[in-house]
Amino acid sequence: MAGILDGVDKRTQLAGQNRLELLLFRLSTHQRFGINVFKVQEVIQCPKLTQVPGLHHVVRGVANMRGRTIPVLDLSLAIGGPPTNELNGRFVIVTEYNKSIQGFLVGTVDRIVNMNWEAIMPPPKAASGSSYLTAVTNVDDELVEIIDVEKVLKEVNGTDEHVSEQLVEQKLELTDIKVLVVDDSSVARNQIKRVLDQLGIESVLKENGREALEQLVEWSQEARRVSDWVPLVISDVEMPQMDGYSLTTAIRSNPLLNDLHVVLHTSLSGVFNKSMIEKVGANQFLPKYEPDSLASAVLDRLNEFSGEKTAAA
């Protein structure tokens, strides 16, 4: 797999064009899966794994790589499939999510395909809830399933979803406001909602950029300007049909929406994100997922919003 991830700088040019590159792979069956190349650090043949007592049952062991120790998760087992019994000849996809590094044990790795987010579709409604799918697409007339990695990692690592009492005490008594939350992962949407609930803020949840833009346009047809009662939009970057970069660009190009405060809240890592928020006009980039960091960003914006309303009165 040497060279499969060469040219990262070139791939960053896809950001903002509603495009992505998927690394295709298979687990223990013929079903093909995909993962965004931006989240992949490297692909290696499965190294020797060291067993560590007390780890989650889907963690097959830890690997020592270039002086760092990373957990290796059996991805098939993690999504309810059979365990990967034979490790020889298998591959590990080393990824970075939410500022943590882990490897996913897979069967075979295929290739990278360049796609438009419009070709990435939400999973069938019947598959929601207990499903580990966050999206599906079609490559070479074959269904490709995109796994909700955030759901997998939450089940393996657990997540503290409580905002500290000190921050909760700082919540503002603002009425008649809503925060628009946009994320294709049901886990991520609900995590953000729980933070907003603890701050006493009503939220409206959408699954992708297109749904969010349609909602904003609908609101813009009402009497009040949207920014008068929607103090901020919290959006993921990676989403089917329309990604967060394209959503932000669409917001900035609409004169009825262009003053909305947009926070890009994403598990994507890399310095390019900071330059991308300037390119597309987002107000802030916030890495997932730390309840207090999110709560602090929300409170800062609400204080600013409250000041704007007071000055305008």
C-alpha atoms as a PDB file:
ATOM      1  CA  MET A   1       0.000   0.000   0.000  1.00  0.00           C
ATOM      2  CA  ALA A   2       3.030   2.276  -0.219  1.00  0.00           C
ATOM      3  CA  GLY A   3       2.131   5.520  -1.883  1.00  0.00           C
ATOM      4  CA  ILE A   4      -1.631   5.149  -1.605  1.00  0.00           C
ATOM      5  CA  LEU A   5      -1.851   8.328   0.437  1.00  0.00           C
ATOM      6  CA  ASP A   6       0.706  10.365  -1.502  1.00  0.00           C
ATOM      7  CA  GLY A   7      -0.324  13.853  -2.582  1.00  0.00           C
ATOM      8  CA  VAL A   8      -2.250  14.995   0.474  1.00  0.00           C
ATOM      9  CA  ASP A   9      -1.695  18.641  -0.474  1.00  0.00           C
ATOM     10  CA  LYS A  10      -3.384  17.996  -3.795  1.00  0.00           C
ATOM     11  CA  ARG A  11      -6.312  16.338  -2.064  1.00  0.00           C
ATOM     12  CA  THR A  12      -6.894  19.313   0.183  1.00  0.00           C
ATOM     13  CA  GLN A  13      -7.858  21.218  -2.948  1.00  0.00           C
ATOM     14  CA  LEU A  14     -11.045  19.125  -3.004  1.00  0.00           C
ATOM     15  CA  ALA A  15     -12.185  20.842   0.185  1.00  0.00           C
ATOM     16  CA  GLY A  16     -14.655  23.572  -0.661  1.00  0.00           C
ATOM     17  CA  GLN A  17     -15.640  21.949  -3.943  1.00  0.00           C
ATOM     18  CA  ASN A  18     -18.161  19.526  -2.373  1.00  0.00           C
ATOM     19  CA  ARG A  19     -15.824  16.673  -3.275  1.00  0.00           C
ATOM     20  CA  LEU A  20     -13.996  13.994  -1.336  1.00  0.00           C
ATOM     21  CA  GLU A  21     -11.806  10.978  -1.831  1.00  0.00           C
ATOM     22  CA  LEU A  22     -12.790   7.642  -0.351  1.00  0.00           C
ATOM     23  CA  LEU A  23     -10.410   4.849   0.527  1.00  0.00           C
ATOM     24  CA  LEU A  24     -12.281   1.640  -0.357  1.00  0.00           C
ATOM     25  CA  PHE A  25     -11.801  -1.548   1.646  1.00  0.00           C
ATOM     26  CA  ARG A  26     -13.499  -4.801   2.606  1.00  0.00           C
ATOM     27  CA  LEU A  27     -13.846  -6.543   5.962  1.00  0.00           C
ATOM     28  CA  SER A  28     -14.598 -10.265   6.172  1.00  0.00           C
ATOM     29  CA  THR A  29     -17.156 -10.339   3.355  1.00  0.00           C
ATOM     30  CA  HIS A  30     -17.435  -9.047  -0.212  1.00  0.00           C
ATOM     31  CA  GLN A  31     -19.231  -5.904   0.982  1.00  0.00           C
ATOM     32  CA  ARG A  32     -17.234  -2.795   0.115  1.00  0.00           C
ATOM     33  CA  PHE A  33     -16.778   0.042   2.614  1.00  0.00           C
ATOM     34  CA  GLY A  34     -15.316   3.535   2.363  1.00  0.00           C
ATOM     35  CA  ILE A  35     -13.544   6.020   4.608  1.00  0.00           C
ATOM     36  CA  ASN A  36     -12.622   9.642   3.873  1.00  0.00           C
ATOM     37  CA  VAL A  37      -8.942   9.895   2.961  1.00  0.00           C
ATOM     38  CA  PHE A  38      -8.604  13.042   5.084  1.00  0.00           C
ATOM     39  CA  LYS A  39      -9.021  10.878   8.181  1.00  0.00           C
ATOM     40  CA  VAL A  40      -6.414   8.324   7.111  1.00  0.00           C
ATOM     41  CA  GLN A  41      -2.781   8.731   8.117  1.00  0.00           C
ATOM     42  CA  GLU A  42      -1.476   5.556   6.529  1.00  0.00           C
ATOM     43  CA  VAL A  43      -2.335   2.007   5.515  1.00  0.00           C
ATOM     44  CA  ILE A  44      -0.068  -0.834   6.623  1.00  0.00           C
ATOM     45  CA  GLN A  45      -0.063  -4.594   6.750  1.00  0.00           C
ATOM     46  CA  CYS A  46      -1.195  -5.722  10.173  1.00  0.00           C
ATOM     47  CA  PRO A  47       1.793  -5.562  12.525  1.00  0.00           C
ATOM     48  CA  LYS A  48       2.368  -7.697  15.585  1.00  0.00           C
ATOM     49  CA  LEU A  49      -0.279  -6.838  18.152  1.00  0.00           C
ATOM     50  CA  THR A  50       0.293  -6.884  21.898  1.00  0.00           C
ATOM     51  CA  GLN A  51      -2.606  -7.989  24.059  1.00  0.00           C
ATOM     52  CA  VAL A  52      -3.490  -5.664  26.929  1.00  0.00           C
ATOM     53  CA  PRO A  53      -5.866  -6.831  29.681  1.00  0.00           C
ATOM     54  CA  GLY A  54      -8.993  -4.808  30.311  1.00  0.00           C
ATOM     55  CA  LEU A  55      -9.441  -3.342  26.835  1.00  0.00           C
ATOM     56  CA  HIS A  56     -12.792  -3.331  25.043  1.00  0.00           C
ATOM     57  CA  HIS A  57     -13.459  -6.669  23.339  1.00  0.00           C
ATOM     58  CA  VAL A  58     -13.259  -5.161  19.827  1.00  0.00           C
ATOM     59  CA  VAL A  59      -9.696  -3.930  20.461  1.00  0.00           C
ATOM     60  CA  ARG A  60      -7.512  -6.750  19.148  1.00  0.00           C
ATOM     61  CA  GLY A  61      -4.389  -5.331  20.735  1.00  0.00           C
ATOM     62  CA  VAL A  62      -2.007  -2.413  20.540  1.00  0.00           C
ATOM     63  CA  ALA A  63       0.697  -1.785  17.962  1.00  0.00           C
ATOM     64  CA  ASN A  64       3.953   0.070  18.430  1.00  0.00           C
ATOM     65  CA  MET A  65       4.389   2.369  15.460  1.00  0.00           C
ATOM     66  CA  ARG A  66       7.228   4.864  15.156  1.00  0.00           C
ATOM     67  CA  GLY A  67       7.530   5.262  18.888  1.00  0.00           C
ATOM     68  CA  ARG A  68       3.811   5.552  19.608  1.00  0.00           C
ATOM     69  CA  THR A  69       1.357   2.940  20.824  1.00  0.00           C
ATOM     70  CA  ILE A  70      -2.034   2.828  19.141  1.00  0.00           C
ATOM     71  CA  PRO A  71      -5.064   0.590  19.730  1.00  0.00           C
ATOM     72  CA  VAL A  72      -6.146  -1.574  16.796  1.00  0.00           C
ATOM     73  CA  LEU A  73      -9.900  -2.177  16.562  1.00  0.00           C
ATOM     74  CA  ASP A  74     -11.423  -5.097  14.672  1.00  0.00           C
ATOM     75  CA  LEU A  75     -13.801  -3.065  12.538  1.00  0.00           C
ATOM     76  CA  SER A  76     -15.877  -6.060  11.490  1.00  0.00           C
ATOM     77  CA  LEU A  77     -16.471  -7.022  15.112  1.00  0.00           C
ATOM     78  CA  ALA A  78     -17.153  -3.398  16.059  1.00  0.00           C
ATOM     79  CA  ILE A  79     -20.109  -3.139  13.660  1.00  0.00           C
ATOM     80  CA  GLY A  80     -21.654  -6.458  14.639  1.00  0.00           C
ATOM     81  CA  GLY A  81     -19.935  -8.704  12.126  1.00  0.00           C
ATOM     82  CA  PRO A  82     -17.742 -11.768  12.660  1.00  0.00           C
ATOM     83  CA  PRO A  83     -14.286 -11.336  14.174  1.00  0.00           C
ATOM     84  CA  THR A  84     -11.250 -11.254  11.906  1.00  0.00           C
ATOM     85  CA  ASN A  85      -9.664 -14.560  12.820  1.00  0.00           C
ATOM     86  CA  GLU A  86      -6.551 -14.615  10.675  1.00  0.00           C
ATOM     87  CA  LEU A  87      -4.362 -11.524  10.992  1.00  0.00           C
ATOM     88  CA  ASN A  88      -1.697 -12.517   8.479  1.00  0.00           C
ATOM     89  CA  GLY A  89      -2.232 -10.655   5.237  1.00  0.00           C
ATOM     90  CA  ARG A  90      -4.746  -8.265   6.802  1.00  0.00           C
ATOM     91  CA  PHE A  91      -4.378  -4.501   6.818  1.00  0.00           C
ATOM     92  CA  VAL A  92      -4.631  -1.738   9.393  1.00  0.00           C
ATOM     93  CA  ILE A  93      -5.977   1.673   8.397  1.00  0.00           C
ATOM     94  CA  VAL A  94      -4.400   4.191  10.780  1.00  0.00           C
ATOM     95  CA  THR A  95      -6.810   7.081  11.328  1.00  0.00           C
ATOM     96  CA  GLU A  96      -7.185  10.251  13.330  1.00  0.00           C
ATOM     97  CA  TYR A  97     -10.646  11.076  14.665  1.00  0.00           C
ATOM     98  CA  ASN A  98     -11.487  13.687  17.243  1.00  0.00           C
ATOM     99  CA  LYS A  99      -7.792  14.231  17.992  1.00  0.00           C
ATOM    100  CA  SER A 100      -7.234  10.543  18.781  1.00  0.00           C
ATOM    101  CA  ILE A 101      -5.250   8.052  16.709  1.00  0.00           C
ATOM    102  CA  GLN A 102      -6.348   4.452  16.265  1.00  0.00           C
ATOM    103  CA  GLY A 103      -6.026   1.653  13.751  1.00  0.00           C
ATOM    104  CA  PHE A 104      -8.891  -0.239  12.130  1.00  0.00           C
ATOM    105  CA  LEU A 105      -8.213  -3.856  11.264  1.00  0.00           C
ATOM    106  CA  VAL A 106      -9.706  -4.658   7.830  1.00  0.00           C
ATOM    107  CA  GLY A 107      -9.533  -7.525   5.380  1.00  0.00           C
ATOM    108  CA  THR A 108      -8.333  -5.984   2.141  1.00  0.00           C
ATOM    109  CA  VAL A 109      -7.777  -2.451   0.879  1.00  0.00           C
ATOM    110  CA  ASP A 110      -8.858  -1.604  -2.653  1.00  0.00           C
ATOM    111  CA  ARG A 111      -8.143   1.887  -3.971  1.00  0.00           C
ATOM    112  CA  ILE A 112      -8.991   5.576  -3.642  1.00  0.00           C
ATOM    113  CA  VAL A 113     -11.877   7.072  -5.618  1.00  0.00           C
ATOM    114  CA  ASN A 114     -12.611  10.757  -6.181  1.00  0.00           C
ATOM    115  CA  MET A 115     -16.293  11.563  -5.698  1.00  0.00           C
ATOM    116  CA  ASN A 116     -18.767  14.388  -5.338  1.00  0.00           C
ATOM    117  CA  TRP A 117     -20.612  14.629  -2.022  1.00  0.00           C
ATOM    118  CA  GLU A 118     -23.823  14.767  -4.067  1.00  0.00           C
ATOM    119  CA  ALA A 119     -23.200  11.104  -4.901  1.00  0.00           C
ATOM    120  CA  ILE A 120     -22.972  10.237  -1.197  1.00  0.00           C
ATOM    121  CA  MET A 121     -26.454   9.505   0.071  1.00  0.00           C
ATOM    122  CA  PRO A 122     -27.910   9.086   3.568  1.00  0.00           C
ATOM    123  CA  PRO A 123     -28.578   5.439   4.486  1.00  0.00           C
ATOM    124  CA  PRO A 124     -32.104   4.101   4.065  1.00  0.00           C
ATOM    125  CA  LYS A 125     -34.396   5.243   6.870  1.00  0.00           C
ATOM    126  CA  ALA A 126     -34.990   1.618   7.778  1.00  0.00           C
ATOM    127  CA  ALA A 127     -31.274   1.335   8.557  1.00  0.00           C
ATOM    128  CA  SER A 128     -31.210   4.239  11.038  1.00  0.00           C
ATOM    129  CA  GLY A 129     -31.105   3.824  14.782  1.00  0.00           C
ATOM    130  CA  SER A 130     -29.145   0.635  15.391  1.00  0.00           C
ATOM    131  CA  SER A 131     -27.229   0.855  12.099  1.00  0.00           C
ATOM    132  CA  TYR A 132     -23.542   1.707  11.924  1.00  0.00           C
ATOM    133  CA  LEU A 133     -23.994   3.377   8.526  1.00  0.00           C
ATOM    134  CA  THR A 134     -23.691   7.115   8.126  1.00  0.00           C
ATOM    135  CA  ALA A 135     -23.950   7.135   4.313  1.00  0.00           C
ATOM    136  CA  VAL A 136     -23.928   4.964   1.193  1.00  0.00           C
ATOM    137  CA  THR A 137     -22.776   5.426  -2.379  1.00  0.00           C
ATOM    138  CA  ASN A 138     -22.213   3.451  -5.551  1.00  0.00           C
ATOM    139  CA  VAL A 139     -18.870   2.632  -7.161  1.00  0.00           C
ATOM    140  CA  ASP A 140     -18.621   0.405 -10.239  1.00  0.00           C
ATOM    141  CA  ASP A 141     -22.296  -0.539  -9.813  1.00  0.00           C
ATOM    142  CA  GLU A 142     -21.498  -1.815  -6.334  1.00  0.00           C
ATOM    143  CA  LEU A 143     -22.908  -0.477  -3.058  1.00  0.00           C
ATOM    144  CA  VAL A 144     -20.308   1.139  -0.808  1.00  0.00           C
ATOM    145  CA  GLU A 145     -21.187   1.604   2.854  1.00  0.00           C
ATOM    146  CA  ILE A 146     -19.655   4.429   4.884  1.00  0.00           C
ATOM    147  CA  ILE A 147     -19.429   3.560   8.567  1.00  0.00           C
ATOM    148  CA  ASP A 148     -20.394   5.923  11.373  1.00  0.00           C
ATOM    149  CA  VAL A 149     -16.947   5.800  12.970  1.00  0.00           C
ATOM    150  CA  GLU A 150     -17.985   8.242  15.677  1.00  0.00           C
ATOM    151  CA  LYS A 151     -20.603   5.752  16.835  1.00  0.00           C
ATOM    152  CA  VAL A 152     -18.018   2.960  16.861  1.00  0.00           C
ATOM    153  CA  LEU A 153     -15.532   5.013  18.860  1.00  0.00           C
ATOM    154  CA  LYS A 154     -18.164   6.159  21.325  1.00  0.00           C
ATOM    155  CA  GLU A 155     -19.110   2.551  22.048  1.00  0.00           C
ATOM    156  CA  VAL A 156     -15.482   1.510  22.449  1.00  0.00           C
ATOM    157  CA  ASN A 157     -14.060   4.516  24.291  1.00  0.00           C
ATOM    158  CA  GLY A 158     -17.143   6.015  25.895  1.00  0.00           C
ATOM    159  CA  THR A 159     -17.787   9.751  25.959  1.00  0.00           C
ATOM    160  CA  ASP A 160     -18.322  12.265  28.716  1.00  0.00           C
ATOM    161  CA  GLU A 161     -21.309  14.289  27.544  1.00  0.00           C
ATOM    162  CA  HIS A 162     -21.740  16.442  30.638  1.00  0.00           C
ATOM    163  CA  VAL A 163     -20.948  20.140  30.605  1.00  0.00           C
ATOM    164  CA  SER A 164     -19.107  21.267  33.708  1.00  0.00           C
ATOM    165  CA  GLU A 165     -21.253  22.902  36.366  1.00  0.00           C
ATOM    166  CA  GLN A 166     -19.192  26.083  36.147  1.00  0.00           C
ATOM    167  CA  LEU A 167     -20.193  26.549  32.504  1.00  0.00           C
ATOM    168  CA  VAL A 168     -23.818  25.569  33.056  1.00  0.00           C
ATOM    169  CA  GLU A 169     -24.035  28.336  35.649  1.00  0.00           C
ATOM    170  CA  GLN A 170     -23.005  30.824  32.947  1.00  0.00           C
ATOM    171  CA  LYS A 171     -25.947  30.051  30.672  1.00  0.00           C
ATOM    172  CA  LEU A 172     -27.947  33.032  29.477  1.00  0.00           C
ATOM    173  CA  GLU A 173     -31.679  33.427  29.818  1.00  0.00           C
ATOM    174  CA  LEU A 174     -32.360  34.031  26.135  1.00  0.00           C
ATOM    175  CA  THR A 175     -35.826  33.318  24.757  1.00  0.00           C
ATOM    176  CA  ASP A 176     -37.109  32.709  21.265  1.00  0.00           C
ATOM    177  CA  ILE A 177     -33.804  31.544  19.819  1.00  0.00           C
ATOM    178  CA  LYS A 178     -32.762  28.327  18.106  1.00  0.00           C
ATOM    179  CA  VAL A 179     -29.412  26.830  17.135  1.00  0.00           C
ATOM    180  CA  LEU A 180     -29.238  24.883  13.887  1.00  0.00           C
ATOM    181  CA  VAL A 181     -27.194  21.672  14.241  1.00  0.00           C
ATOM    182  CA  VAL A 182     -26.051  19.871  11.103  1.00  0.00           C
ATOM    183  CA  ASP A 183     -24.344  16.466  11.203  1.00  0.00           C
ATOM    184  CA  ASP A 184     -24.829  13.185   9.360  1.00  0.00           C
ATOM    185  CA  SER A 185     -23.906  11.140  12.433  1.00  0.00           C
ATOM    186  CA  SER A 186     -26.864  10.586  14.755  1.00  0.00           C
ATOM    187  CA  VAL A 187     -24.378  10.158  17.601  1.00  0.00           C
ATOM    188  CA  ALA A 188     -22.771  13.540  16.901  1.00  0.00           C
ATOM    189  CA  ARG A 189     -26.129  15.294  16.477  1.00  0.00           C
ATOM    190  CA  ASN A 190     -27.360  14.019  19.801  1.00  0.00           C
ATOM    191  CA  GLN A 191     -24.093  14.857  21.546  1.00  0.00           C
ATOM    192  CA  ILE A 192     -24.396  18.474  20.424  1.00  0.00           C
ATOM    193  CA  LYS A 193     -28.082  18.545  21.326  1.00  0.00           C
ATOM    194  CA  ARG A 194     -27.306  17.346  24.851  1.00  0.00           C
ATOM    195  CA  VAL A 195     -24.758  20.140  25.303  1.00  0.00           C
ATOM    196  CA  LEU A 196     -27.292  22.714  24.109  1.00  0.00           C
ATOM    197  CA  ASP A 197     -29.995  21.200  26.330  1.00  0.00           C
ATOM    198  CA  GLN A 198     -27.740  21.637  29.366  1.00  0.00           C
ATOM    199  CA  LEU A 199     -27.338  25.301  28.417  1.00  0.00           C
ATOM    200  CA  GLY A 200     -31.101  25.693  28.052  1.00  0.00           C
ATOM    201  CA  ILE A 201     -30.962  26.263  24.296  1.00  0.00           C
ATOM    202  CA  GLU A 202     -33.438  24.849  21.791  1.00  0.00           C
ATOM    203  CA  SER A 203     -31.908  23.109  18.794  1.00  0.00           C
ATOM    204  CA  VAL A 204     -33.075  22.118  15.311  1.00  0.00           C
ATOM    205  CA  LEU A 205     -31.292  19.051  13.918  1.00  0.00           C
ATOM    206  CA  LYS A 206     -30.526  18.349  10.267  1.00  0.00           C
ATOM    207  CA  GLU A 207     -28.635  15.433   8.719  1.00  0.00           C
ATOM    208  CA  ASN A 208     -26.711  17.156   5.914  1.00  0.00           C
ATOM    209  CA  GLY A 209     -25.880  20.498   4.374  1.00  0.00           C
ATOM    210  CA  ARG A 210     -28.636  20.361   1.792  1.00  0.00           C
ATOM    211  CA  GLU A 211     -31.350  19.808   4.411  1.00  0.00           C
ATOM    212  CA  ALA A 212     -29.876  22.619   6.507  1.00  0.00           C
ATOM    213  CA  LEU A 213     -29.761  25.049   3.596  1.00  0.00           C
ATOM    214  CA  GLU A 214     -33.350  24.231   2.658  1.00  0.00           C
ATOM    215  CA  GLN A 215     -34.396  24.931   6.264  1.00  0.00           C
ATOM    216  CA  LEU A 216     -32.515  28.231   6.339  1.00  0.00           C
ATOM    217  CA  VAL A 217     -34.005  29.348   3.029  1.00  0.00           C
ATOM    218  CA  GLU A 218     -37.470  28.457   4.317  1.00  0.00           C
ATOM    219  CA  TRP A 219     -36.849  30.494   7.476  1.00  0.00           C
ATOM    220  CA  SER A 220     -35.560  33.406   5.384  1.00  0.00           C
ATOM    221  CA  GLN A 221     -38.993  33.715   3.789  1.00  0.00           C
ATOM    222  CA  GLU A 222     -40.471  34.639   7.144  1.00  0.00           C
ATOM    223  CA  ALA A 223     -40.867  38.203   8.380  1.00  0.00           C
ATOM    224  CA  ARG A 224     -37.802  38.330  10.637  1.00  0.00           C
ATOM    225  CA  ARG A 225     -34.209  38.054   9.507  1.00  0.00           C
ATOM    226  CA  VAL A 226     -32.897  34.600  10.389  1.00  0.00           C
ATOM    227  CA  SER A 227     -29.867  35.936  12.253  1.00  0.00           C
ATOM    228  CA  ASP A 228     -32.209  37.778  14.644  1.00  0.00           C
ATOM    229  CA  TRP A 229     -33.251  34.488  16.248  1.00  0.00           C
ATOM    230  CA  VAL A 230     -30.670  31.921  15.074  1.00  0.00           C
ATOM    231  CA  PRO A 231     -27.491  33.038  16.839  1.00  0.00           C
ATOM    232  CA  LEU A 232     -25.358  30.301  15.296  1.00  0.00           C
ATOM    233  CA  VAL A 233     -25.188  27.295  13.008  1.00  0.00           C
ATOM    234  CA  ILE A 234     -23.064  24.340  14.170  1.00  0.00           C
ATOM    235  CA  SER A 235     -22.137  22.176  11.205  1.00  0.00           C
ATOM    236  CA  ASP A 236     -20.076  19.086  10.551  1.00  0.00           C
ATOM    237  CA  VAL A 237     -17.814  19.165   7.486  1.00  0.00           C
ATOM    238  CA  GLU A 238     -18.237  15.653   6.075  1.00  0.00           C
ATOM    239  CA  MET A 239     -21.871  15.108   5.076  1.00  0.00           C
ATOM    240  CA  PRO A 240     -23.778  13.443   2.232  1.00  0.00           C
ATOM    241  CA  GLN A 241     -25.122  15.556  -0.618  1.00  0.00           C
ATOM    242  CA  MET A 242     -23.645  18.856   0.636  1.00  0.00           C
ATOM    243  CA  ASP A 243     -20.649  19.166   2.947  1.00  0.00           C
ATOM    244  CA  GLY A 244     -20.091  21.818   5.582  1.00  0.00           C
ATOM    245  CA  TYR A 245     -17.712  23.869   3.450  1.00  0.00           C
ATOM    246  CA  SER A 246     -20.273  24.098   0.634  1.00  0.00           C
ATOM    247  CA  LEU A 247     -23.051  24.868   3.101  1.00  0.00           C
ATOM    248  CA  THR A 248     -21.021  27.753   4.519  1.00  0.00           C
ATOM    249  CA  THR A 249     -20.262  29.060   1.035  1.00  0.00           C
ATOM    250  CA  ALA A 250     -23.983  28.917   0.166  1.00  0.00           C
ATOM    251  CA  ILE A 251     -24.868  30.800   3.358  1.00  0.00           C
ATOM    252  CA  ARG A 252     -22.339  33.537   2.624  1.00  0.00           C
ATOM    253  CA  SER A 253     -23.602  33.937  -0.949  1.00  0.00           C
ATOM    254  CA  ASN A 254     -27.245  34.391   0.148  1.00  0.00           C
ATOM    255  CA  PRO A 255     -27.983  38.022   1.110  1.00  0.00           C
ATOM    256  CA  LEU A 256     -30.750  36.875   3.467  1.00  0.00           C
ATOM    257  CA  LEU A 257     -28.425  34.531   5.347  1.00  0.00           C
ATOM    258  CA  ASN A 258     -24.913  35.870   4.931  1.00  0.00           C
ATOM    259  CA  ASP A 259     -24.617  37.339   8.437  1.00  0.00           C
ATOM    260  CA  LEU A 260     -25.239  34.011  10.195  1.00  0.00           C
ATOM    261  CA  HIS A 261     -22.533  32.851  12.606  1.00  0.00           C
ATOM    262  CA  VAL A 262     -21.201  29.478  11.393  1.00  0.00           C
ATOM    263  CA  VAL A 263     -19.106  27.089  13.485  1.00  0.00           C
ATOM    264  CA  LEU A 264     -17.561  24.119  11.680  1.00  0.00           C
ATOM    265  CA  HIS A 265     -17.474  21.310  14.232  1.00  0.00           C
ATOM    266  CA  THR A 266     -15.591  18.365  12.815  1.00  0.00           C
ATOM    267  CA  SER A 267     -13.530  15.295  13.610  1.00  0.00           C
ATOM    268  CA  LEU A 268     -11.325  16.075  10.610  1.00  0.00           C
ATOM    269  CA  SER A 269      -7.834  16.976  11.729  1.00  0.00           C
ATOM    270  CA  GLY A 270      -5.128  18.962  10.018  1.00  0.00           C
ATOM    271  CA  VAL A 271      -3.961  22.527   9.718  1.00  0.00           C
ATOM    272  CA  PHE A 272      -5.811  22.960   6.441  1.00  0.00           C
ATOM    273  CA  ASN A 273      -9.073  23.308   8.384  1.00  0.00           C
ATOM    274  CA  LYS A 274      -8.001  26.671   9.784  1.00  0.00           C
ATOM    275  CA  SER A 275      -7.264  28.019   6.332  1.00  0.00           C
ATOM    276  CA  MET A 276     -10.482  26.528   4.978  1.00  0.00           C
ATOM    277  CA  ILE A 277     -12.677  28.436   7.433  1.00  0.00           C
ATOM    278  CA  GLU A 278     -11.210  31.626   6.005  1.00  0.00           C
ATOM    279  CA  LYS A 279     -11.678  30.405   2.451  1.00  0.00           C
ATOM    280  CA  VAL A 280     -15.361  29.557   2.844  1.00  0.00           C
ATOM    281  CA  GLY A 281     -16.171  32.287   5.376  1.00  0.00           C
ATOM    282  CA  ALA A 282     -16.927  30.281   8.509  1.00  0.00           C
ATOM    283  CA  ASN A 283     -16.560  32.103  11.808  1.00  0.00           C
ATOM    284  CA  GLN A 284     -14.857  29.339  13.748  1.00  0.00           C
ATOM    285  CA  PHE A 285     -13.389  25.829  13.492  1.00  0.00           C
ATOM    286  CA  LEU A 286     -13.973  23.594  16.504  1.00  0.00           C
ATOM    287  CA  PRO A 287     -12.590  20.047  16.725  1.00  0.00           C
ATOM    288  CA  LYS A 288     -14.888  17.307  18.025  1.00  0.00           C
ATOM    289  CA  TYR A 289     -15.827  16.323  20.635  1.00  0.00           C
ATOM    290  CA  GLU A 290     -15.307  18.001  23.984  1.00  0.00           C
ATOM    291  CA  PRO A 291     -18.522  19.099  25.744  1.00  0.00           C
ATOM    292  CA  ASP A 292     -16.864  21.968  27.610  1.00  0.00           C
ATOM    293  CA  SER A 293     -15.092  23.292  24.512  1.00  0.00           C
ATOM    294  CA  LEU A 294     -18.350  23.245  22.589  1.00  0.00           C
ATOM    295  CA  ALA A 295     -20.263  24.791  25.485  1.00  0.00           C
ATOM    296  CA  SER A 296     -17.654  27.543  25.851  1.00  0.00           C
ATOM    297  CA  ALA A 297     -17.850  28.367  22.136  1.00  0.00           C
ATOM    298  CA  VAL A 298     -21.646  28.483  22.308  1.00  0.00           C
ATOM    299  CA  LEU A 299     -21.645  30.687  25.415  1.00  0.00           C
ATOM    300  CA  ASP A 300     -19.116  33.075  23.857  1.00  0.00           C
ATOM    301  CA  ARG A 301     -21.311  33.430  20.789  1.00  0.00           C
ATOM    302  CA  LEU A 302     -24.492  33.894  22.843  1.00  0.00           C
ATOM    303  CA  ASN A 303     -22.850  36.634  24.889  1.00  0.00           C
ATOM    304  CA  GLU A 304     -21.827  38.329  21.656  1.00  0.00           C
ATOM    305  CA  PHE A 305     -25.331  37.825  20.226  1.00  0.00           C
ATOM    306  CA  SER A 306     -26.934  39.275  23.361  1.00  0.00           C
ATOM    307  CA  GLY A 307     -24.666  42.312  23.116  1.00  0.00           C
ATOM    308  CA  GLU A 308     -25.633  42.805  19.478  1.00  0.00           C
ATOM    309  CA  LYS A 309     -29.319  42.704  20.350  1.00  0.00           C
ATOM    310  CA  THR A 310     -28.842  45.177  23.202  1.00  0.00           C
ATOM    311  CA  ALA A 311     -26.908  47.585  20.965  1.00  0.00           C
ATOM    312  CA  ALA A 312     -29.562  47.378  18.269  1.00  0.00           C
ATOM    313  CA  ALA A 313     -32.411  48.058  20.714  1.00  0.00           C
END
